[in-house]
C-alpha atoms as a PDB file:
ATOM      1  CA  MET A   1      69.035 146.823 163.008  1.00  0.00           C
ATOM      2  CA  SER A   2      68.919 144.191 160.259  1.00  0.00           C
ATOM      3  CA  GLN A   3      71.467 141.868 161.817  1.00  0.00           C
ATOM      4  CA  ALA A   4      71.524 138.283 163.060  1.00  0.00           C
ATOM      5  CA  ASN A   5      74.280 136.362 164.817  1.00  0.00           C
ATOM      6  CA  HIS A   6      73.276 132.797 163.976  1.00  0.00           C
ATOM      7  CA  PRO A   7      72.358 131.193 160.619  1.00  0.00           C
ATOM      8  CA  ARG A   8      69.025 130.022 162.002  1.00  0.00           C
ATOM      9  CA  ASP A   9      68.111 133.523 163.152  1.00  0.00           C
ATOM     10  CA  TYR A  10      69.348 134.899 159.858  1.00  0.00           C
ATOM     11  CA  ALA A  11      67.010 132.636 157.889  1.00  0.00           C
ATOM     12  CA  ASN A  12      64.100 133.796 160.043  1.00  0.00           C
ATOM     13  CA  MET A  13      65.101 137.425 159.560  1.00  0.00           C
ATOM     14  CA  LEU A  14      65.183 137.025 155.782  1.00  0.00           C
ATOM     15  CA  ALA A  15      61.686 135.550 155.866  1.00  0.00           C
ATOM     16  CA  ASP A  16      60.460 138.773 157.491  1.00  0.00           C
ATOM     17  CA  PHE A  17      62.023 141.100 154.911  1.00  0.00           C
ATOM     18  CA  PRO A  18      59.366 142.765 152.716  1.00  0.00           C
ATOM     19  CA  PHE A  19      61.822 142.836 149.791  1.00  0.00           C
ATOM     20  CA  LYS A  20      64.986 141.098 148.635  1.00  0.00           C
ATOM     21  CA  PRO A  21      67.782 142.557 150.800  1.00  0.00           C
ATOM     22  CA  ARG A  22      71.491 142.865 150.182  1.00  0.00           C
ATOM     23  CA  LYS A  23      73.125 139.922 151.964  1.00  0.00           C
ATOM     24  CA  ILE A  24      76.348 140.566 153.880  1.00  0.00           C
ATOM     25  CA  LEU A  25      78.426 138.001 155.755  1.00  0.00           C
ATOM     26  CA  ILE A  26      80.756 139.189 158.527  1.00  0.00           C
ATOM     27  CA  GLU A  27      83.280 137.178 160.512  1.00  0.00           C
ATOM     28  CA  GLY A  28      85.796 138.600 162.915  1.00  0.00           C
ATOM     29  CA  ASP A  29      86.637 140.075 166.280  1.00  0.00           C
ATOM     30  CA  SER A  30      85.511 142.976 168.452  1.00  0.00           C
ATOM     31  CA  TRP A  31      86.037 145.565 165.701  1.00  0.00           C
ATOM     32  CA  VAL A  32      82.880 144.085 164.160  1.00  0.00           C
ATOM     33  CA  SER A  33      81.183 142.744 167.291  1.00  0.00           C
ATOM     34  CA  HIS A  34      82.021 144.848 170.368  1.00  0.00           C
ATOM     35  CA  PRO A  35      78.747 144.730 172.361  1.00  0.00           C
ATOM     36  CA  PHE A  36      79.071 148.228 173.845  1.00  0.00           C
ATOM     37  CA  LEU A  37      80.366 150.197 170.850  1.00  0.00           C
ATOM     38  CA  ALA A  38      79.064 151.253 167.433  1.00  0.00           C
ATOM     39  CA  ASN A  39      81.489 148.866 165.743  1.00  0.00           C
ATOM     40  CA  LEU A  40      82.076 148.447 162.003  1.00  0.00           C
ATOM     41  CA  THR A  41      79.081 146.137 161.605  1.00  0.00           C
ATOM     42  CA  ALA A  42      76.804 148.755 163.155  1.00  0.00           C
ATOM     43  CA  GLN A  43      78.265 151.369 160.819  1.00  0.00           C
ATOM     44  CA  PHE A  44      77.683 149.201 157.745  1.00  0.00           C
ATOM     45  CA  ASP A  45      74.126 148.597 158.870  1.00  0.00           C
ATOM     46  CA  GLN A  46      73.546 152.358 159.129  1.00  0.00           C
ATOM     47  CA  PHE A  47      75.017 152.868 155.661  1.00  0.00           C
ATOM     48  CA  GLY A  48      72.596 150.249 154.326  1.00  0.00           C
ATOM     49  CA  LYS A  49      69.572 152.282 155.461  1.00  0.00           C
ATOM     50  CA  GLY A  50      67.511 149.190 156.121  1.00  0.00           C
ATOM     51  CA  GLU A  51      68.423 147.413 152.876  1.00  0.00           C
ATOM     52  CA  PHE A  52      71.166 145.185 154.326  1.00  0.00           C
ATOM     53  CA  ALA A  53      70.584 141.785 155.897  1.00  0.00           C
ATOM     54  CA  ILE A  54      73.761 141.093 157.874  1.00  0.00           C
ATOM     55  CA  LEU A  55      74.810 137.735 159.262  1.00  0.00           C
ATOM     56  CA  ASN A  56      77.483 138.579 161.836  1.00  0.00           C
ATOM     57  CA  MET A  57      79.367 135.496 163.003  1.00  0.00           C
ATOM     58  CA  ALA A  58      82.018 137.528 164.851  1.00  0.00           C
ATOM     59  CA  GLN A  59      82.963 137.210 168.506  1.00  0.00           C
ATOM     60  CA  PRO A  60      84.992 139.650 170.643  1.00  0.00           C
ATOM     61  CA  GLY A  61      88.467 138.295 171.289  1.00  0.00           C
ATOM     62  CA  ASP A  62      88.389 135.889 168.362  1.00  0.00           C
ATOM     63  CA  THR A  63      91.613 135.136 166.489  1.00  0.00           C
ATOM     64  CA  ALA A  64      92.422 134.609 162.833  1.00  0.00           C
ATOM     65  CA  LYS A  65      93.703 131.170 163.770  1.00  0.00           C
ATOM     66  CA  ARG A  66      90.309 130.098 165.133  1.00  0.00           C
ATOM     67  CA  MET A  67      88.387 131.718 162.283  1.00  0.00           C
ATOM     68  CA  LEU A  68      90.447 130.766 159.258  1.00  0.00           C
ATOM     69  CA  SER A  69      92.571 127.699 159.972  1.00  0.00           C
ATOM     70  CA  PRO A  70      91.317 125.039 157.508  1.00  0.00           C
ATOM     71  CA  ASP A  71      90.831 122.449 160.260  1.00  0.00           C
ATOM     72  CA  SER A  72      88.964 124.743 162.667  1.00  0.00           C
ATOM     73  CA  SER A  73      85.261 124.375 163.378  1.00  0.00           C
ATOM     74  CA  GLN A  74      84.732 128.084 162.734  1.00  0.00           C
ATOM     75  CA  PHE A  75      86.213 127.841 159.249  1.00  0.00           C
ATOM     76  CA  LYS A  76      83.957 124.891 158.533  1.00  0.00           C
ATOM     77  CA  ASP A  77      80.948 126.970 159.591  1.00  0.00           C
ATOM     78  CA  LEU A  78      82.134 129.903 157.474  1.00  0.00           C
ATOM     79  CA  SER A  79      82.829 127.758 154.418  1.00  0.00           C
ATOM     80  CA  ALA A  80      79.402 126.110 154.680  1.00  0.00           C
ATOM     81  CA  LEU A  81      77.792 129.556 154.385  1.00  0.00           C
ATOM     82  CA  ILE A  82      79.782 130.268 151.223  1.00  0.00           C
ATOM     83  CA  VAL A  83      79.910 126.993 149.321  1.00  0.00           C
ATOM     84  CA  ASN A  84      76.360 126.846 147.917  1.00  0.00           C
ATOM     85  CA  GLU A  85      72.843 128.136 148.430  1.00  0.00           C
ATOM     86  CA  GLN A  86      71.580 124.888 149.893  1.00  0.00           C
ATOM     87  CA  TYR A  87      73.457 125.495 153.125  1.00  0.00           C
ATOM     88  CA  GLY A  88      74.413 129.141 152.678  1.00  0.00           C
ATOM     89  CA  TYR A  89      73.680 132.127 150.462  1.00  0.00           C
ATOM     90  CA  LYS A  90      74.882 134.184 147.537  1.00  0.00           C
ATOM     91  CA  TRP A  91      76.470 137.093 149.408  1.00  0.00           C
ATOM     92  CA  ASP A  92      76.897 140.648 148.160  1.00  0.00           C
ATOM     93  CA  PHE A  93      80.189 140.819 150.050  1.00  0.00           C
ATOM     94  CA  ILE A  94      82.082 139.081 152.831  1.00  0.00           C
ATOM     95  CA  PHE A  95      83.870 141.217 155.416  1.00  0.00           C
ATOM     96  CA  ILE A  96      86.583 139.774 157.652  1.00  0.00           C
ATOM     97  CA  SER A  97      88.119 141.545 160.644  1.00  0.00           C
ATOM     98  CA  ALA A  98      90.878 139.229 161.829  1.00  0.00           C
ATOM     99  CA  ALA A  99      94.385 139.125 163.317  1.00  0.00           C
ATOM    100  CA  GLY A 100      94.118 141.856 165.952  1.00  0.00           C
ATOM    101  CA  ASN A 101      93.827 139.306 168.748  1.00  0.00           C
ATOM    102  CA  ASP A 102      96.641 137.241 167.247  1.00  0.00           C
ATOM    103  CA  ILE A 103      98.941 140.163 168.037  1.00  0.00           C
ATOM    104  CA  VAL A 104      97.768 141.886 171.223  1.00  0.00           C
ATOM    105  CA  GLY A 105      97.237 140.488 174.696  1.00  0.00           C
ATOM    106  CA  ASP A 106      99.667 137.975 176.170  1.00  0.00           C
ATOM    107  CA  ASP A 107     100.558 136.745 172.659  1.00  0.00           C
ATOM    108  CA  ILE A 108     102.662 139.854 172.285  1.00  0.00           C
ATOM    109  CA  LEU A 109     105.009 138.402 174.913  1.00  0.00           C
ATOM    110  CA  SER A 110     106.283 135.815 172.442  1.00  0.00           C
ATOM    111  CA  TYR A 111     106.673 138.304 169.582  1.00  0.00           C
ATOM    112  CA  VAL A 112     108.657 141.043 171.339  1.00  0.00           C
ATOM    113  CA  ASP A 113     111.992 140.449 173.071  1.00  0.00           C
ATOM    114  CA  ASP A 114     112.963 141.938 176.411  1.00  0.00           C
ATOM    115  CA  LYS A 115     114.553 145.366 176.236  1.00  0.00           C
ATOM    116  CA  SER A 116     118.280 145.025 175.630  1.00  0.00           C
ATOM    117  CA  PRO A 117     121.122 147.493 175.059  1.00  0.00           C
ATOM    118  CA  GLY A 118     121.565 148.538 171.458  1.00  0.00           C
ATOM    119  CA  LYS A 119     118.041 147.634 170.354  1.00  0.00           C
ATOM    120  CA  TYR A 120     115.078 149.980 170.106  1.00  0.00           C
ATOM    121  CA  GLY A 121     111.443 149.688 169.101  1.00  0.00           C
ATOM    122  CA  LYS A 122     110.835 147.554 166.035  1.00  0.00           C
ATOM    123  CA  GLU A 123     114.244 145.909 166.430  1.00  0.00           C
ATOM    124  CA  LEU A 124     112.802 144.045 169.417  1.00  0.00           C
ATOM    125  CA  ILE A 125     110.186 142.254 167.271  1.00  0.00           C
ATOM    126  CA  ASN A 126     111.457 138.727 166.696  1.00  0.00           C
ATOM    127  CA  ASP A 127     111.043 136.157 163.913  1.00  0.00           C
ATOM    128  CA  SER A 128     108.099 134.444 165.576  1.00  0.00           C
ATOM    129  CA  PHE A 129     105.941 137.432 164.689  1.00  0.00           C
ATOM    130  CA  SER A 130     106.862 137.243 161.005  1.00  0.00           C
ATOM    131  CA  LYS A 131     106.027 133.534 161.031  1.00  0.00           C
ATOM    132  CA  ARG A 132     102.626 134.228 162.602  1.00  0.00           C
ATOM    133  CA  VAL A 133     101.825 136.915 160.034  1.00  0.00           C
ATOM    134  CA  THR A 134     102.857 134.552 157.233  1.00  0.00           C
ATOM    135  CA  GLN A 135     100.512 131.895 158.611  1.00  0.00           C
ATOM    136  CA  ILE A 136      97.619 134.349 158.819  1.00  0.00           C
ATOM    137  CA  ALA A 137      98.201 135.342 155.189  1.00  0.00           C
ATOM    138  CA  GLU A 138      98.231 131.665 154.194  1.00  0.00           C
ATOM    139  CA  ASP A 139      94.914 131.127 155.981  1.00  0.00           C
ATOM    140  CA  PHE A 140      93.401 134.116 154.167  1.00  0.00           C
ATOM    141  CA  LYS A 141      94.715 132.681 150.888  1.00  0.00           C
ATOM    142  CA  ASN A 142      92.979 129.403 151.729  1.00  0.00           C
ATOM    143  CA  LEU A 143      89.708 131.301 152.244  1.00  0.00           C
ATOM    144  CA  ILE A 144      90.121 133.064 148.896  1.00  0.00           C
ATOM    145  CA  ASP A 145      90.823 129.744 147.148  1.00  0.00           C
ATOM    146  CA  PHE A 146      87.786 128.154 148.785  1.00  0.00           C
ATOM    147  CA  ARG A 147      85.625 131.093 147.712  1.00  0.00           C
ATOM    148  CA  ASP A 148      86.940 130.801 144.143  1.00  0.00           C
ATOM    149  CA  GLN A 149      85.875 127.158 143.984  1.00  0.00           C
ATOM    150  CA  SER A 150      82.487 127.634 145.613  1.00  0.00           C
ATOM    151  CA  GLU A 151      79.265 127.118 143.720  1.00  0.00           C
ATOM    152  CA  ALA A 152      77.416 130.160 145.046  1.00  0.00           C
ATOM    153  CA  ASN A 153      80.134 132.774 145.610  1.00  0.00           C
ATOM    154  CA  PRO A 154      83.080 132.351 143.192  1.00  0.00           C
ATOM    155  CA  THR A 155      83.265 136.100 142.497  1.00  0.00           C
ATOM    156  CA  THR A 156      81.882 137.480 145.787  1.00  0.00           C
ATOM    157  CA  PRO A 157      84.207 140.192 147.138  1.00  0.00           C
ATOM    158  CA  ILE A 158      86.131 139.425 150.311  1.00  0.00           C
ATOM    159  CA  VAL A 159      87.127 142.619 152.111  1.00  0.00           C
ATOM    160  CA  THR A 160      89.344 143.076 155.152  1.00  0.00           C
ATOM    161  CA  HIS A 161      91.268 145.864 156.886  1.00  0.00           C
ATOM    162  CA  ALA A 162      94.486 146.507 158.800  1.00  0.00           C
ATOM    163  CA  TYR A 163      93.313 148.145 162.048  1.00  0.00           C
ATOM    164  CA  SER A 164      94.775 151.566 162.982  1.00  0.00           C
ATOM    165  CA  TYR A 165      97.878 153.026 164.584  1.00  0.00           C
ATOM    166  CA  LEU A 166      97.235 153.557 168.281  1.00  0.00           C
ATOM    167  CA  THR A 167      98.708 154.798 171.523  1.00  0.00           C
ATOM    168  CA  PRO A 168      99.554 152.022 173.993  1.00  0.00           C
ATOM    169  CA  ARG A 169      98.008 152.874 177.361  1.00  0.00           C
ATOM    170  CA  LYS A 170      96.465 150.996 180.246  1.00  0.00           C
ATOM    171  CA  VAL A 171      92.873 151.729 179.295  1.00  0.00           C
ATOM    172  CA  GLY A 172      90.420 148.854 179.047  1.00  0.00           C
ATOM    173  CA  THR A 173      86.843 148.968 177.842  1.00  0.00           C
ATOM    174  CA  LYS A 174      84.752 151.507 179.743  1.00  0.00           C
ATOM    175  CA  LEU A 175      81.199 150.553 180.690  1.00  0.00           C
ATOM    176  CA  PHE A 176      78.854 152.779 182.706  1.00  0.00           C
ATOM    177  CA  GLY A 177      81.856 154.667 184.051  1.00  0.00           C
ATOM    178  CA  ALA A 178      83.699 151.532 185.172  1.00  0.00           C
ATOM    179  CA  MET A 179      86.938 150.288 183.626  1.00  0.00           C
ATOM    180  CA  LEU A 180      87.000 146.644 182.519  1.00  0.00           C
ATOM    181  CA  GLY A 181      90.600 145.431 182.394  1.00  0.00           C
ATOM    182  CA  SER A 182      93.752 147.463 181.904  1.00  0.00           C
ATOM    183  CA  GLY A 183      94.400 147.170 178.191  1.00  0.00           C
ATOM    184  CA  TRP A 184      96.004 144.719 175.808  1.00  0.00           C
ATOM    185  CA  ILE A 185      99.440 146.104 174.852  1.00  0.00           C
ATOM    186  CA  GLN A 186     101.212 148.450 177.251  1.00  0.00           C
ATOM    187  CA  ARG A 187     100.563 146.209 180.255  1.00  0.00           C
ATOM    188  CA  TYR A 188     102.562 143.444 178.522  1.00  0.00           C
ATOM    189  CA  LEU A 189     105.360 145.593 177.108  1.00  0.00           C
ATOM    190  CA  GLU A 190     106.291 147.344 180.348  1.00  0.00           C
ATOM    191  CA  PRO A 191     107.319 144.147 182.207  1.00  0.00           C
ATOM    192  CA  LYS A 192     109.745 143.523 179.328  1.00  0.00           C
ATOM    193  CA  GLY A 193     111.470 146.769 180.178  1.00  0.00           C
ATOM    194  CA  ILE A 194     109.871 148.606 177.248  1.00  0.00           C
ATOM    195  CA  GLU A 195     108.522 151.623 179.099  1.00  0.00           C
ATOM    196  CA  ASP A 196     109.081 154.505 176.664  1.00  0.00           C
ATOM    197  CA  ILE A 197     105.753 155.382 175.015  1.00  0.00           C
ATOM    198  CA  GLU A 198     107.355 156.340 171.706  1.00  0.00           C
ATOM    199  CA  GLU A 199     109.146 153.002 171.588  1.00  0.00           C
ATOM    200  CA  GLN A 200     105.881 151.205 172.325  1.00  0.00           C
ATOM    201  CA  LYS A 201     104.144 153.102 169.521  1.00  0.00           C
ATOM    202  CA  GLU A 202     106.924 152.189 167.098  1.00  0.00           C
ATOM    203  CA  ILE A 203     106.501 148.497 167.937  1.00  0.00           C
ATOM    204  CA  VAL A 204     102.762 148.678 167.282  1.00  0.00           C
ATOM    205  CA  ARG A 205     103.279 150.566 163.992  1.00  0.00           C
ATOM    206  CA  GLU A 206     105.784 148.006 162.788  1.00  0.00           C
ATOM    207  CA  MET A 207     103.485 145.106 163.658  1.00  0.00           C
ATOM    208  CA  LEU A 208     100.571 146.683 161.804  1.00  0.00           C
ATOM    209  CA  ASP A 209     102.818 147.517 158.847  1.00  0.00           C
ATOM    210  CA  GLN A 210     104.055 143.934 158.588  1.00  0.00           C
ATOM    211  CA  TYR A 211     100.509 142.617 158.788  1.00  0.00           C
ATOM    212  CA  TYR A 212      99.215 145.065 156.188  1.00  0.00           C
ATOM    213  CA  ASN A 213     102.053 144.315 153.765  1.00  0.00           C
ATOM    214  CA  ALA A 214     101.514 140.567 154.063  1.00  0.00           C
ATOM    215  CA  MET A 215      97.787 140.913 153.440  1.00  0.00           C
ATOM    216  CA  LYS A 216      98.253 143.388 150.597  1.00  0.00           C
ATOM    217  CA  GLY A 217     100.415 140.790 148.887  1.00  0.00           C
ATOM    218  CA  LEU A 218      97.317 138.607 148.495  1.00  0.00           C
ATOM    219  CA  GLU A 219      95.585 141.149 146.265  1.00  0.00           C
ATOM    220  CA  GLN A 220      95.709 140.126 142.613  1.00  0.00           C
ATOM    221  CA  PRO A 221      93.975 141.641 139.565  1.00  0.00           C
ATOM    222  CA  GLY A 222      90.514 140.165 139.324  1.00  0.00           C
ATOM    223  CA  ASN A 223      90.635 138.052 142.497  1.00  0.00           C
ATOM    224  CA  ASN A 224      87.938 140.122 144.238  1.00  0.00           C
ATOM    225  CA  PHE A 225      89.947 140.497 147.424  1.00  0.00           C
ATOM    226  CA  VAL A 226      90.781 143.893 148.890  1.00  0.00           C
ATOM    227  CA  VAL A 227      92.678 145.032 151.970  1.00  0.00           C
ATOM    228  CA  VAL A 228      91.661 148.526 153.026  1.00  0.00           C
ATOM    229  CA  ASP A 229      94.523 150.520 154.529  1.00  0.00           C
ATOM    230  CA  THR A 230      92.946 151.817 157.713  1.00  0.00           C
ATOM    231  CA  ARG A 231      96.263 152.233 159.565  1.00  0.00           C
ATOM    232  CA  PRO A 232      96.590 156.054 159.467  1.00  0.00           C
ATOM    233  CA  LEU A 233      92.917 156.969 159.734  1.00  0.00           C
ATOM    234  CA  LEU A 234      92.796 157.653 163.465  1.00  0.00           C
ATOM    235  CA  SER A 235      96.045 159.611 163.687  1.00  0.00           C
ATOM    236  CA  ARG A 236      96.966 163.255 163.257  1.00  0.00           C
ATOM    237  CA  THR A 237     100.363 162.031 162.023  1.00  0.00           C
ATOM    238  CA  PRO A 238     101.747 158.456 161.843  1.00  0.00           C
ATOM    239  CA  THR A 239     103.323 158.967 165.266  1.00  0.00           C
ATOM    240  CA  ARG A 240     100.385 160.849 166.833  1.00  0.00           C
ATOM    241  CA  PRO A 241      97.174 158.805 167.108  1.00  0.00           C
ATOM    242  CA  ASN A 242      94.282 161.065 168.053  1.00  0.00           C
ATOM    243  CA  LEU A 243      92.954 159.871 171.423  1.00  0.00           C
ATOM    244  CA  ALA A 244      89.684 161.726 170.759  1.00  0.00           C
ATOM    245  CA  TRP A 245      88.805 158.978 168.274  1.00  0.00           C
ATOM    246  CA  TRP A 246      89.515 156.069 170.652  1.00  0.00           C
ATOM    247  CA  HIS A 247      87.308 154.452 173.272  1.00  0.00           C
ATOM    248  CA  ASP A 248      90.094 152.449 174.903  1.00  0.00           C
ATOM    249  CA  GLU A 249      93.565 151.185 174.052  1.00  0.00           C
ATOM    250  CA  ILE A 250      92.599 149.184 170.946  1.00  0.00           C
ATOM    251  CA  HIS A 251      88.979 150.094 170.107  1.00  0.00           C
ATOM    252  CA  PRO A 252      87.778 153.289 168.386  1.00  0.00           C
ATOM    253  CA  ASN A 253      84.763 155.183 169.701  1.00  0.00           C
ATOM    254  CA  TYR A 254      81.716 156.019 167.578  1.00  0.00           C
ATOM    255  CA  THR A 255      83.518 158.775 165.668  1.00  0.00           C
ATOM    256  CA  GLY A 256      86.551 156.560 165.106  1.00  0.00           C
ATOM    257  CA  PHE A 257      84.589 153.560 163.891  1.00  0.00           C
ATOM    258  CA  LYS A 258      82.575 155.799 161.580  1.00  0.00           C
ATOM    259  CA  LYS A 259      85.750 157.267 160.044  1.00  0.00           C
ATOM    260  CA  VAL A 260      87.130 153.775 159.419  1.00  0.00           C
ATOM    261  CA  ALA A 261      83.841 152.472 158.016  1.00  0.00           C
ATOM    262  CA  GLU A 262      83.485 155.436 155.660  1.00  0.00           C
ATOM    263  CA  VAL A 263      86.893 154.781 154.122  1.00  0.00           C
ATOM    264  CA  ILE A 264      86.112 151.078 153.762  1.00  0.00           C
ATOM    265  CA  ARG A 265      82.862 151.949 151.992  1.00  0.00           C
ATOM    266  CA  THR A 266      84.618 154.460 149.720  1.00  0.00           C
ATOM    267  CA  GLU A 267      87.290 151.970 148.642  1.00  0.00           C
ATOM    268  CA  MET A 268      84.657 149.312 148.068  1.00  0.00           C
ATOM    269  CA  LYS A 269      82.683 151.715 145.890  1.00  0.00           C
ATOM    270  CA  VAL A 270      85.779 152.502 143.837  1.00  0.00           C
ATOM    271  CA  ALA A 271      86.356 148.773 143.347  1.00  0.00           C
ATOM    272  CA  GLY A 272      82.673 148.222 142.481  1.00  0.00           C
ATOM    273  CA  TYR A 273      82.085 146.036 145.542  1.00  0.00           C
ATOM    274  CA  TRP A 274      79.672 148.134 147.592  1.00  0.00           C
ATOM    275  CA  PRO A 275      76.084 146.935 146.997  1.00  0.00           C
END
């Protein structure tokens, strides 16, 4: 695997390449860094057939707020890798997987109201969620603006995705037959009185739809930013996610990650972004 997780190790890896590789920068969460699954980074590396040199700065559980807020240390590290070739590189593309952890887990408690008579599913999502999505979009816009003004990467594509519709269930990451945790969504919705699985699925769909729409609004002709719509890819129908493509509640398995990565690659090829 041609992948490093620290700029120092990345520089050493490049020195060992027998030819000039395609340079890819990845920042994000467990969809690009899950240690036990063939995540999107692993899929991209396979697609590269040994010609990609990937610097993967992602960490499982990371949030868009920590990655992209202008005053965060992680954004400063990311921006340093983009701004010029003295401290960073000219990248072939930058891939960001962010916002999943801003939604799931105990954060969902502040975004979804307790079950009440006369309200169902997406009607329980309150204004605090819309405000959070708006802030994430603003942070992405800040990254795009910074990229535009950089010396080394003013036209480098920034690519992101919108996760996939899923089935809430108390299934954590499985490792060597053991279950680690009990999931990230259903376990928090049920204490709010939201116990119907179809209602839970509707809440998740609405959250992903709002996030996708906000991110899609950042796409502009010629701004080299693309949001790949990966929402329906792991479902038989919008209301029927296919559990055969999922490892746990929020992470695809090998087949699922491959399906998502293939669509990302296809859309990047159409846009002329795939190296």
